[in-house]
Amino acid sequence: MQYMEFSKDKKYIERIRGLREDHDFTQQYVARYLNTSQTMYARYERGASALPIHHLIYLTELYNVSSDYILGITNNPVPYEEYYREAAVTDQDPRSPGKYDIHWKGNS
């Protein structure tokens, strides 16, 4: 079984608790989703136990956020797949035949 390395700041501890509270989920609910006990999930939130990588993956699915967001690497919760879905191909670029202008949501 693979476990995440503990980072010095343990940002993920704040994130998993914050996400759970933002979604009005109980520890029991999230623990069931992860197929673990409420006691073990509480240990993850306190930083007393390492969060297994497969639980990190399940949490990204539950909350529809990126693993980078949970780990504190980015403050943007949107999963990378969302960026690809949000890309819109516009008119062909007249300066480069065969190439297209791509505009990302939120950019002008």
PDB file of N, CA and C in Angstrom:
ATOM      1  N   MET A   1       0.845  -1.172   0.000  1.00  0.00           N
ATOM      2  CA  MET A   1       0.000   0.000   0.000  1.00  0.00           C
ATOM      3  C   MET A   1       0.895   1.242   0.000  1.00  0.00           C
ATOM      4  N   GLN A   2       0.561   2.193  -0.862  1.00  0.00           N
ATOM      5  CA  GLN A   2       1.354   3.416  -0.951  1.00  0.00           C
ATOM      6  C   GLN A   2       0.727   4.498  -0.077  1.00  0.00           C
ATOM      7  N   TYR A   3       1.584   5.268   0.562  1.00  0.00           N
ATOM      8  CA  TYR A   3       1.128   6.371   1.406  1.00  0.00           C
ATOM      9  C   TYR A   3       1.776   7.659   0.937  1.00  0.00           C
ATOM     10  N   MET A   4       1.051   8.761   1.134  1.00  0.00           N
ATOM     11  CA  MET A   4       1.595  10.068   0.801  1.00  0.00           C
ATOM     12  C   MET A   4       2.688  10.411   1.790  1.00  0.00           C
ATOM     13  N   GLU A   5       3.693  11.078   1.307  1.00  0.00           N
ATOM     14  CA  GLU A   5       4.712  11.619   2.206  1.00  0.00           C
ATOM     15  C   GLU A   5       4.076  12.762   2.995  1.00  0.00           C
ATOM     16  N   PHE A   6       4.407  12.849   4.253  1.00  0.00           N
ATOM     17  CA  PHE A   6       3.929  13.984   5.036  1.00  0.00           C
ATOM     18  C   PHE A   6       4.739  15.215   4.643  1.00  0.00           C
ATOM     19  N   SER A   7       4.047  16.278   4.305  1.00  0.00           N
ATOM     20  CA  SER A   7       4.745  17.521   4.013  1.00  0.00           C
ATOM     21  C   SER A   7       4.922  18.277   5.321  1.00  0.00           C
ATOM     22  N   LYS A   8       5.849  19.225   5.322  1.00  0.00           N
ATOM     23  CA  LYS A   8       6.105  19.989   6.544  1.00  0.00           C
ATOM     24  C   LYS A   8       4.867  20.744   7.009  1.00  0.00           C
ATOM     25  N   ASP A   9       4.177  21.367   6.062  1.00  0.00           N
ATOM     26  CA  ASP A   9       3.033  22.184   6.466  1.00  0.00           C
ATOM     27  C   ASP A   9       1.733  21.381   6.557  1.00  0.00           C
ATOM     28  N   LYS A  10       1.714  20.188   6.026  1.00  0.00           N
ATOM     29  CA  LYS A  10       0.537  19.314   6.075  1.00  0.00           C
ATOM     30  C   LYS A  10      -0.725  20.047   5.615  1.00  0.00           C
ATOM     31  N   LYS A  11      -0.604  20.780   4.526  1.00  0.00           N
ATOM     32  CA  LYS A  11      -1.725  21.543   3.988  1.00  0.00           C
ATOM     33  C   LYS A  11      -2.929  20.651   3.699  1.00  0.00           C
ATOM     34  N   TYR A  12      -2.661  19.409   3.308  1.00  0.00           N
ATOM     35  CA  TYR A  12      -3.769  18.525   2.958  1.00  0.00           C
ATOM     36  C   TYR A  12      -4.703  18.276   4.144  1.00  0.00           C
ATOM     37  N   ILE A  13      -4.182  18.364   5.364  1.00  0.00           N
ATOM     38  CA  ILE A  13      -5.020  18.158   6.550  1.00  0.00           C
ATOM     39  C   ILE A  13      -6.110  19.226   6.601  1.00  0.00           C
ATOM     40  N   GLU A  14      -5.714  20.478   6.387  1.00  0.00           N
ATOM     41  CA  GLU A  14      -6.688  21.574   6.357  1.00  0.00           C
ATOM     42  C   GLU A  14      -7.666  21.397   5.210  1.00  0.00           C
ATOM     43  N   ARG A  15      -7.143  20.962   4.056  1.00  0.00           N
ATOM     44  CA  ARG A  15      -7.986  20.856   2.870  1.00  0.00           C
ATOM     45  C   ARG A  15      -9.036  19.761   3.010  1.00  0.00           C
ATOM     46  N   ILE A  16      -8.658  18.580   3.507  1.00  0.00           N
ATOM     47  CA  ILE A  16      -9.660  17.511   3.565  1.00  0.00           C
ATOM     48  C   ILE A  16     -10.748  17.831   4.592  1.00  0.00           C
ATOM     49  N   ARG A  17     -10.366  18.486   5.667  1.00  0.00           N
ATOM     50  CA  ARG A  17     -11.383  18.878   6.645  1.00  0.00           C
ATOM     51  C   ARG A  17     -12.262  19.998   6.085  1.00  0.00           C
ATOM     52  N   GLY A  18     -11.624  20.994   5.464  1.00  0.00           N
ATOM     53  CA  GLY A  18     -12.376  22.105   4.886  1.00  0.00           C
ATOM     54  C   GLY A  18     -13.340  21.653   3.798  1.00  0.00           C
ATOM     55  N   LEU A  19     -12.889  20.763   2.933  1.00  0.00           N
ATOM     56  CA  LEU A  19     -13.763  20.250   1.876  1.00  0.00           C
ATOM     57  C   LEU A  19     -14.944  19.485   2.470  1.00  0.00           C
ATOM     58  N   ARG A  20     -14.669  18.673   3.462  1.00  0.00           N
ATOM     59  CA  ARG A  20     -15.750  17.908   4.104  1.00  0.00           C
ATOM     60  C   ARG A  20     -16.778  18.853   4.713  1.00  0.00           C
ATOM     61  N   GLU A  21     -16.302  19.863   5.428  1.00  0.00           N
ATOM     62  CA  GLU A  21     -17.218  20.814   6.066  1.00  0.00           C
ATOM     63  C   GLU A  21     -17.967  21.649   5.030  1.00  0.00           C
ATOM     64  N   ASP A  22     -17.274  22.061   3.956  1.00  0.00           N
ATOM     65  CA  ASP A  22     -17.926  22.837   2.894  1.00  0.00           C
ATOM     66  C   ASP A  22     -19.065  22.063   2.236  1.00  0.00           C
ATOM     67  N   HIS A  23     -18.928  20.749   2.178  1.00  0.00           N
ATOM     68  CA  HIS A  23     -19.955  19.906   1.566  1.00  0.00           C
ATOM     69  C   HIS A  23     -20.973  19.387   2.593  1.00  0.00           C
ATOM     70  N   ASP A  24     -20.831  19.821   3.829  1.00  0.00           N
ATOM     71  CA  ASP A  24     -21.722  19.377   4.912  1.00  0.00           C
ATOM     72  C   ASP A  24     -21.741  17.859   5.062  1.00  0.00           C
ATOM     73  N   PHE A  25     -20.571  17.240   4.884  1.00  0.00           N
ATOM     74  CA  PHE A  25     -20.436  15.798   5.082  1.00  0.00           C
ATOM     75  C   PHE A  25     -19.924  15.543   6.497  1.00  0.00           C
ATOM     76  N   THR A  26     -20.336  14.442   7.062  1.00  0.00           N
ATOM     77  CA  THR A  26     -19.790  14.023   8.351  1.00  0.00           C
ATOM     78  C   THR A  26     -18.544  13.181   8.110  1.00  0.00           C
ATOM     79  N   GLN A  27     -17.742  13.033   9.141  1.00  0.00           N
ATOM     80  CA  GLN A  27     -16.588  12.140   9.030  1.00  0.00           C
ATOM     81  C   GLN A  27     -17.059  10.723   8.726  1.00  0.00           C
ATOM     82  N   GLN A  28     -18.165  10.330   9.316  1.00  0.00           N
ATOM     83  CA  GLN A  28     -18.713   8.988   9.086  1.00  0.00           C
ATOM     84  C   GLN A  28     -19.051   8.791   7.608  1.00  0.00           C
ATOM     85  N   TYR A  29     -19.668   9.803   6.985  1.00  0.00           N
ATOM     86  CA  TYR A  29     -20.040   9.707   5.572  1.00  0.00           C
ATOM     87  C   TYR A  29     -18.802   9.532   4.698  1.00  0.00           C
ATOM     88  N   VAL A  30     -17.797  10.373   4.918  1.00  0.00           N
ATOM     89  CA  VAL A  30     -16.574  10.298   4.110  1.00  0.00           C
ATOM     90  C   VAL A  30     -15.857   8.977   4.369  1.00  0.00           C
ATOM     91  N   ALA A  31     -15.827   8.546   5.611  1.00  0.00           N
ATOM     92  CA  ALA A  31     -15.189   7.269   5.945  1.00  0.00           C
ATOM     93  C   ALA A  31     -15.856   6.119   5.200  1.00  0.00           C
ATOM     94  N   ARG A  32     -17.170   6.117   5.150  1.00  0.00           N
ATOM     95  CA  ARG A  32     -17.884   5.066   4.402  1.00  0.00           C
ATOM     96  C   ARG A  32     -17.535   5.131   2.924  1.00  0.00           C
ATOM     97  N   TYR A  33     -17.470   6.341   2.380  1.00  0.00           N
ATOM     98  CA  TYR A  33     -17.107   6.512   0.968  1.00  0.00           C
ATOM     99  C   TYR A  33     -15.722   5.920   0.702  1.00  0.00           C
ATOM    100  N   LEU A  34     -14.809   6.101   1.653  1.00  0.00           N
ATOM    101  CA  LEU A  34     -13.444   5.595   1.513  1.00  0.00           C
ATOM    102  C   LEU A  34     -13.320   4.129   1.934  1.00  0.00           C
ATOM    103  N   ASN A  35     -14.406   3.567   2.437  1.00  0.00           N
ATOM    104  CA  ASN A  35     -14.401   2.188   2.930  1.00  0.00           C
ATOM    105  C   ASN A  35     -13.388   2.011   4.064  1.00  0.00           C
ATOM    106  N   THR A  36     -13.449   2.956   4.999  1.00  0.00           N
ATOM    107  CA  THR A  36     -12.601   2.897   6.188  1.00  0.00           C
ATOM    108  C   THR A  36     -13.456   3.270   7.397  1.00  0.00           C
ATOM    109  N   SER A  37     -12.886   3.245   8.559  1.00  0.00           N
ATOM    110  CA  SER A  37     -13.643   3.600   9.767  1.00  0.00           C
ATOM    111  C   SER A  37     -13.623   5.112   9.992  1.00  0.00           C
ATOM    112  N   GLN A  38     -14.591   5.585  10.751  1.00  0.00           N
ATOM    113  CA  GLN A  38     -14.636   7.003  11.098  1.00  0.00           C
ATOM    114  C   GLN A  38     -13.413   7.357  11.929  1.00  0.00           C
ATOM    115  N   THR A  39     -12.983   6.452  12.788  1.00  0.00           N
ATOM    116  CA  THR A  39     -11.805   6.687  13.625  1.00  0.00           C
ATOM    117  C   THR A  39     -10.564   6.900  12.764  1.00  0.00           C
ATOM    118  N   MET A  40     -10.400   6.058  11.750  1.00  0.00           N
ATOM    119  CA  MET A  40      -9.231   6.193  10.875  1.00  0.00           C
ATOM    120  C   MET A  40      -9.309   7.490  10.073  1.00  0.00           C
ATOM    121  N   TYR A  41     -10.503   7.822   9.564  1.00  0.00           N
ATOM    122  CA  TYR A  41     -10.629   9.068   8.811  1.00  0.00           C
ATOM    123  C   TYR A  41     -10.319  10.273   9.705  1.00  0.00           C
ATOM    124  N   ALA A  42     -10.768  10.236  10.945  1.00  0.00           N
ATOM    125  CA  ALA A  42     -10.469  11.325  11.886  1.00  0.00           C
ATOM    126  C   ALA A  42      -8.961  11.444  12.078  1.00  0.00           C
ATOM    127  N   ARG A  43      -8.265  10.321  12.074  1.00  0.00           N
ATOM    128  CA  ARG A  43      -6.796  10.345  12.197  1.00  0.00           C
ATOM    129  C   ARG A  43      -6.166  11.034  10.983  1.00  0.00           C
ATOM    130  N   TYR A  44      -6.730  10.829   9.792  1.00  0.00           N
ATOM    131  CA  TYR A  44      -6.224  11.529   8.598  1.00  0.00           C
ATOM    132  C   TYR A  44      -6.392  13.036   8.774  1.00  0.00           C
ATOM    133  N   GLU A  45      -7.573  13.453   9.230  1.00  0.00           N
ATOM    134  CA  GLU A  45      -7.850  14.885   9.390  1.00  0.00           C
ATOM    135  C   GLU A  45      -6.973  15.532  10.458  1.00  0.00           C
ATOM    136  N   ARG A  46      -6.561  14.773  11.444  1.00  0.00           N
ATOM    137  CA  ARG A  46      -5.678  15.310  12.495  1.00  0.00           C
ATOM    138  C   ARG A  46      -4.207  15.211  12.106  1.00  0.00           C
ATOM    139  N   GLY A  47      -3.909  14.452  11.075  1.00  0.00           N
ATOM    140  CA  GLY A  47      -2.517  14.246  10.690  1.00  0.00           C
ATOM    141  C   GLY A  47      -1.846  13.163  11.507  1.00  0.00           C
ATOM    142  N   ALA A  48      -2.633  12.381  12.240  1.00  0.00           N
ATOM    143  CA  ALA A  48      -2.076  11.321  13.081  1.00  0.00           C
ATOM    144  C   ALA A  48      -1.730  10.071  12.281  1.00  0.00           C
ATOM    145  N   SER A  49      -2.348   9.915  11.103  1.00  0.00           N
ATOM    146  CA  SER A  49      -2.053   8.789  10.213  1.00  0.00           C
ATOM    147  C   SER A  49      -1.854   9.311   8.802  1.00  0.00           C
ATOM    148  N   ALA A  50      -1.002   8.627   8.063  1.00  0.00           N
ATOM    149  CA  ALA A  50      -0.767   8.989   6.667  1.00  0.00           C
ATOM    150  C   ALA A  50      -1.997   8.647   5.834  1.00  0.00           C
ATOM    151  N   LEU A  51      -2.308   9.510   4.887  1.00  0.00           N
ATOM    152  CA  LEU A  51      -3.437   9.300   3.985  1.00  0.00           C
ATOM    153  C   LEU A  51      -2.973   8.425   2.828  1.00  0.00           C
ATOM    154  N   PRO A  52      -3.555   7.230   2.660  1.00  0.00           N
ATOM    155  CA  PRO A  52      -3.154   6.385   1.531  1.00  0.00           C
ATOM    156  C   PRO A  52      -3.466   7.072   0.200  1.00  0.00           C
ATOM    157  N   ILE A  53      -2.643   6.835  -0.779  1.00  0.00           N
ATOM    158  CA  ILE A  53      -2.822   7.469  -2.083  1.00  0.00           C
ATOM    159  C   ILE A  53      -4.179   7.118  -2.680  1.00  0.00           C
ATOM    160  N   HIS A  54      -4.628   5.880  -2.522  1.00  0.00           N
ATOM    161  CA  HIS A  54      -5.931   5.527  -3.099  1.00  0.00           C
ATOM    162  C   HIS A  54      -7.059   6.315  -2.421  1.00  0.00           C
ATOM    163  N   HIS A  55      -6.900   6.681  -1.162  1.00  0.00           N
ATOM    164  CA  HIS A  55      -7.908   7.522  -0.512  1.00  0.00           C
ATOM    165  C   HIS A  55      -7.835   8.949  -1.055  1.00  0.00           C
ATOM    166  N   LEU A  56      -6.645   9.428  -1.345  1.00  0.00           N
ATOM    167  CA  LEU A  56      -6.506  10.743  -1.978  1.00  0.00           C
ATOM    168  C   LEU A  56      -7.266  10.760  -3.299  1.00  0.00           C
ATOM    169  N   ILE A  57      -7.107   9.714  -4.087  1.00  0.00           N
ATOM    170  CA  ILE A  57      -7.792   9.636  -5.380  1.00  0.00           C
ATOM    171  C   ILE A  57      -9.305   9.641  -5.179  1.00  0.00           C
ATOM    172  N   TYR A  58      -9.796   8.860  -4.217  1.00  0.00           N
ATOM    173  CA  TYR A  58     -11.239   8.829  -3.959  1.00  0.00           C
ATOM    174  C   TYR A  58     -11.749  10.191  -3.494  1.00  0.00           C
ATOM    175  N   LEU A  59     -10.955  10.895  -2.704  1.00  0.00           N
ATOM    176  CA  LEU A  59     -11.373  12.222  -2.241  1.00  0.00           C
ATOM    177  C   LEU A  59     -11.458  13.213  -3.398  1.00  0.00           C
ATOM    178  N   THR A  60     -10.547  13.107  -4.367  1.00  0.00           N
ATOM    179  CA  THR A  60     -10.630  13.997  -5.535  1.00  0.00           C
ATOM    180  C   THR A  60     -11.921  13.742  -6.294  1.00  0.00           C
ATOM    181  N   GLU A  61     -12.336  12.487  -6.355  1.00  0.00           N
ATOM    182  CA  GLU A  61     -13.590  12.146  -7.038  1.00  0.00           C
ATOM    183  C   GLU A  61     -14.801  12.617  -6.236  1.00  0.00           C
ATOM    184  N   LEU A  62     -14.769  12.420  -4.937  1.00  0.00           N
ATOM    185  CA  LEU A  62     -15.887  12.820  -4.086  1.00  0.00           C
ATOM    186  C   LEU A  62     -16.136  14.321  -4.164  1.00  0.00           C
ATOM    187  N   TYR A  63     -15.068  15.106  -4.099  1.00  0.00           N
ATOM    188  CA  TYR A  63     -15.199  16.564  -4.063  1.00  0.00           C
ATOM    189  C   TYR A  63     -15.021  17.228  -5.426  1.00  0.00           C
ATOM    190  N   ASN A  64     -14.688  16.450  -6.456  1.00  0.00           N
ATOM    191  CA  ASN A  64     -14.441  16.974  -7.801  1.00  0.00           C
ATOM    192  C   ASN A  64     -13.396  18.094  -7.778  1.00  0.00           C
ATOM    193  N   VAL A  65     -12.273  17.797  -7.152  1.00  0.00           N
ATOM    194  CA  VAL A  65     -11.143  18.721  -7.094  1.00  0.00           C
ATOM    195  C   VAL A  65      -9.892  17.967  -7.530  1.00  0.00           C
ATOM    196  N   SER A  66      -8.837  18.697  -7.808  1.00  0.00           N
ATOM    197  CA  SER A  66      -7.582  18.053  -8.196  1.00  0.00           C
ATOM    198  C   SER A  66      -6.814  17.594  -6.957  1.00  0.00           C
ATOM    199  N   SER A  67      -5.974  16.601  -7.149  1.00  0.00           N
ATOM    200  CA  SER A  67      -5.118  16.152  -6.045  1.00  0.00           C
ATOM    201  C   SER A  67      -4.150  17.263  -5.655  1.00  0.00           C
ATOM    202  N   ASP A  68      -3.718  18.063  -6.625  1.00  0.00           N
ATOM    203  CA  ASP A  68      -2.835  19.189  -6.310  1.00  0.00           C
ATOM    204  C   ASP A  68      -3.513  20.164  -5.350  1.00  0.00           C
ATOM    205  N   TYR A  69      -4.815  20.345  -5.501  1.00  0.00           N
ATOM    206  CA  TYR A  69      -5.539  21.232  -4.593  1.00  0.00           C
ATOM    207  C   TYR A  69      -5.552  20.648  -3.179  1.00  0.00           C
ATOM    208  N   ILE A  70      -5.886  19.372  -3.066  1.00  0.00           N
ATOM    209  CA  ILE A  70      -5.921  18.745  -1.740  1.00  0.00           C
ATOM    210  C   ILE A  70      -4.547  18.799  -1.085  1.00  0.00           C
ATOM    211  N   LEU A  71      -3.504  18.592  -1.871  1.00  0.00           N
ATOM    212  CA  LEU A  71      -2.147  18.578  -1.320  1.00  0.00           C
ATOM    213  C   LEU A  71      -1.595  19.965  -1.034  1.00  0.00           C
ATOM    214  N   GLY A  72      -2.306  21.009  -1.454  1.00  0.00           N
ATOM    215  CA  GLY A  72      -1.849  22.369  -1.195  1.00  0.00           C
ATOM    216  C   GLY A  72      -0.841  22.872  -2.204  1.00  0.00           C
ATOM    217  N   ILE A  73      -0.695  22.167  -3.319  1.00  0.00           N
ATOM    218  CA  ILE A  73       0.242  22.581  -4.362  1.00  0.00           C
ATOM    219  C   ILE A  73      -0.325  23.762  -5.137  1.00  0.00           C
ATOM    220  N   THR A  74      -1.649  23.802  -5.268  1.00  0.00           N
ATOM    221  CA  THR A  74      -2.324  24.895  -5.953  1.00  0.00           C
ATOM    222  C   THR A  74      -3.528  25.322  -5.122  1.00  0.00           C
ATOM    223  N   ASN A  75      -3.974  26.537  -5.340  1.00  0.00           N
ATOM    224  CA  ASN A  75      -5.191  27.013  -4.686  1.00  0.00           C
ATOM    225  C   ASN A  75      -6.391  26.931  -5.617  1.00  0.00           C
ATOM    226  N   ASN A  76      -6.175  26.389  -6.818  1.00  0.00           N
ATOM    227  CA  ASN A  76      -7.248  26.221  -7.790  1.00  0.00           C
ATOM    228  C   ASN A  76      -7.809  24.809  -7.647  1.00  0.00           C
ATOM    229  N   PRO A  77      -9.055  24.684  -7.196  1.00  0.00           N
ATOM    230  CA  PRO A  77      -9.602  23.348  -6.964  1.00  0.00           C
ATOM    231  C   PRO A  77     -10.033  22.601  -8.219  1.00  0.00           C
ATOM    232  N   VAL A  78     -10.107  23.287  -9.360  1.00  0.00           N
ATOM    233  CA  VAL A  78     -10.627  22.666 -10.579  1.00  0.00           C
ATOM    234  C   VAL A  78      -9.691  21.566 -11.072  1.00  0.00           C
ATOM    235  N   PRO A  79     -10.239  20.360 -11.278  1.00  0.00           N
ATOM    236  CA  PRO A  79      -9.396  19.274 -11.807  1.00  0.00           C
ATOM    237  C   PRO A  79      -8.878  19.612 -13.197  1.00  0.00           C
ATOM    238  N   TYR A  80      -7.728  19.070 -13.551  1.00  0.00           N
ATOM    239  CA  TYR A  80      -7.120  19.356 -14.841  1.00  0.00           C
ATOM    240  C   TYR A  80      -8.037  18.999 -15.999  1.00  0.00           C
ATOM    241  N   GLU A  81      -8.834  17.929 -15.868  1.00  0.00           N
ATOM    242  CA  GLU A  81      -9.734  17.539 -16.947  1.00  0.00           C
ATOM    243  C   GLU A  81     -10.716  18.659 -17.267  1.00  0.00           C
ATOM    244  N   GLU A  82     -11.101  19.408 -16.243  1.00  0.00           N
ATOM    245  CA  GLU A  82     -12.030  20.512 -16.447  1.00  0.00           C
ATOM    246  C   GLU A  82     -11.422  21.569 -17.365  1.00  0.00           C
ATOM    247  N   TYR A  83     -10.118  21.804 -17.244  1.00  0.00           N
ATOM    248  CA  TYR A  83      -9.475  22.771 -18.121  1.00  0.00           C
ATOM    249  C   TYR A  83      -9.615  22.341 -19.567  1.00  0.00           C
ATOM    250  N   TYR A  84      -9.422  21.066 -19.822  1.00  0.00           N
ATOM    251  CA  TYR A  84      -9.507  20.575 -21.191  1.00  0.00           C
ATOM    252  C   TYR A  84     -10.928  20.678 -21.718  1.00  0.00           C
ATOM    253  N   ARG A  85     -11.913  20.410 -20.886  1.00  0.00           N
ATOM    254  CA  ARG A  85     -13.305  20.527 -21.308  1.00  0.00           C
ATOM    255  C   ARG A  85     -13.700  21.979 -21.529  1.00  0.00           C
ATOM    256  N   GLU A  86     -13.076  22.891 -20.783  1.00  0.00           N
ATOM    257  CA  GLU A  86     -13.442  24.298 -20.887  1.00  0.00           C
ATOM    258  C   GLU A  86     -12.766  24.995 -22.060  1.00  0.00           C
ATOM    259  N   ALA A  87     -11.806  24.338 -22.673  1.00  0.00           N
ATOM    260  CA  ALA A  87     -11.136  24.940 -23.823  1.00  0.00           C
ATOM    261  C   ALA A  87     -12.106  24.987 -24.989  1.00  0.00           C
ATOM    262  N   ALA A  88     -12.150  26.101 -25.656  1.00  0.00           N
ATOM    263  CA  ALA A  88     -13.032  26.253 -26.812  1.00  0.00           C
ATOM    264  C   ALA A  88     -12.197  26.606 -28.029  1.00  0.00           C
ATOM    265  N   VAL A  89     -12.352  25.812 -29.068  1.00  0.00           N
ATOM    266  CA  VAL A  89     -11.633  26.099 -30.306  1.00  0.00           C
ATOM    267  C   VAL A  89     -12.430  27.156 -31.043  1.00  0.00           C
ATOM    268  N   THR A  90     -11.762  28.239 -31.421  1.00  0.00           N
ATOM    269  CA  THR A  90     -12.423  29.321 -32.142  1.00  0.00           C
ATOM    270  C   THR A  90     -11.988  29.277 -33.602  1.00  0.00           C
ATOM    271  N   ASP A  91     -12.163  30.359 -34.285  1.00  0.00           N
ATOM    272  CA  ASP A  91     -11.830  30.425 -35.710  1.00  0.00           C
ATOM    273  C   ASP A  91     -10.391  30.027 -35.971  1.00  0.00           C
ATOM    274  N   GLN A  92     -10.203  29.521 -37.186  1.00  0.00           N
ATOM    275  CA  GLN A  92      -8.852  29.165 -37.595  1.00  0.00           C
ATOM    276  C   GLN A  92      -8.004  30.432 -37.622  1.00  0.00           C
ATOM    277  N   ASP A  93      -6.802  30.315 -37.153  1.00  0.00           N
ATOM    278  CA  ASP A  93      -5.875  31.441 -37.108  1.00  0.00           C
ATOM    279  C   ASP A  93      -5.397  31.726 -38.529  1.00  0.00           C
ATOM    280  N   PRO A  94      -5.736  32.910 -39.089  1.00  0.00           N
ATOM    281  CA  PRO A  94      -5.363  33.210 -40.478  1.00  0.00           C
ATOM    282  C   PRO A  94      -3.847  33.328 -40.672  1.00  0.00           C
ATOM    283  N   ARG A  95      -3.114  33.589 -39.600  1.00  0.00           N
ATOM    284  CA  ARG A  95      -1.665  33.717 -39.718  1.00  0.00           C
ATOM    285  C   ARG A  95      -0.991  32.369 -39.859  1.00  0.00           C
ATOM    286  N   SER A  96      -1.652  31.327 -39.416  1.00  0.00           N
ATOM    287  CA  SER A  96      -1.068  29.984 -39.455  1.00  0.00           C
ATOM    288  C   SER A  96      -2.114  28.991 -39.941  1.00  0.00           C
ATOM    289  N   PRO A  97      -2.218  28.806 -41.262  1.00  0.00           N
ATOM    290  CA  PRO A  97      -3.206  27.858 -41.782  1.00  0.00           C
ATOM    291  C   PRO A  97      -3.025  26.483 -41.135  1.00  0.00           C
ATOM    292  N   GLY A  98      -4.137  25.881 -40.781  1.00  0.00           N
ATOM    293  CA  GLY A  98      -4.100  24.568 -40.149  1.00  0.00           C
ATOM    294  C   GLY A  98      -3.988  24.643 -38.637  1.00  0.00           C
ATOM    295  N   LYS A  99      -3.791  25.848 -38.109  1.00  0.00           N
ATOM    296  CA  LYS A  99      -3.700  26.016 -36.652  1.00  0.00           C
ATOM    297  C   LYS A  99      -4.947  26.752 -36.181  1.00  0.00           C
ATOM    298  N   TYR A 100      -5.315  26.483 -34.962  1.00  0.00           N
ATOM    299  CA  TYR A 100      -6.527  27.074 -34.413  1.00  0.00           C
ATOM    300  C   TYR A 100      -6.207  27.881 -33.170  1.00  0.00           C
ATOM    301  N   ASP A 101      -7.021  28.896 -32.971  1.00  0.00           N
ATOM    302  CA  ASP A 101      -6.931  29.737 -31.787  1.00  0.00           C
ATOM    303  C   ASP A 101      -7.703  29.038 -30.671  1.00  0.00           C
ATOM    304  N   ILE A 102      -7.083  28.826 -29.541  1.00  0.00           N
ATOM    305  CA  ILE A 102      -7.774  28.205 -28.414  1.00  0.00           C
ATOM    306  C   ILE A 102      -7.839  29.221 -27.287  1.00  0.00           C
ATOM    307  N   HIS A 103      -9.030  29.416 -26.776  1.00  0.00           N
ATOM    308  CA  HIS A 103      -9.228  30.341 -25.664  1.00  0.00           C
ATOM    309  C   HIS A 103      -9.675  29.547 -24.455  1.00  0.00           C
ATOM    310  N   TRP A 104      -8.995  29.748 -23.344  1.00  0.00           N
ATOM    311  CA  TRP A 104      -9.337  29.061 -22.103  1.00  0.00           C
ATOM    312  C   TRP A 104     -10.323  29.897 -21.335  1.00  0.00           C
ATOM    313  N   LYS A 105     -11.256  29.234 -20.671  1.00  0.00           N
ATOM    314  CA  LYS A 105     -12.253  29.927 -19.865  1.00  0.00           C
ATOM    315  C   LYS A 105     -11.545  30.823 -18.856  1.00  0.00           C
ATOM    316  N   GLY A 106     -12.004  32.049 -18.778  1.00  0.00           N
ATOM    317  CA  GLY A 106     -11.424  32.981 -17.820  1.00  0.00           C
ATOM    318  C   GLY A 106     -10.299  33.817 -18.402  1.00  0.00           C
ATOM    319  N   ASN A 107      -9.822  33.456 -19.571  1.00  0.00           N
ATOM    320  CA  ASN A 107      -8.765  34.234 -20.228  1.00  0.00           C
ATOM    321  C   ASN A 107      -9.359  34.981 -21.401  1.00  0.00           C
ATOM    322  N   SER A 108      -8.825  36.152 -21.705  1.00  0.00           N
ATOM    323  CA  SER A 108      -9.322  36.883 -22.868  1.00  0.00           C
ATOM    324  C   SER A 108      -8.359  36.785 -24.016  1.00  0.00           C
TER     325      SER A 108
END
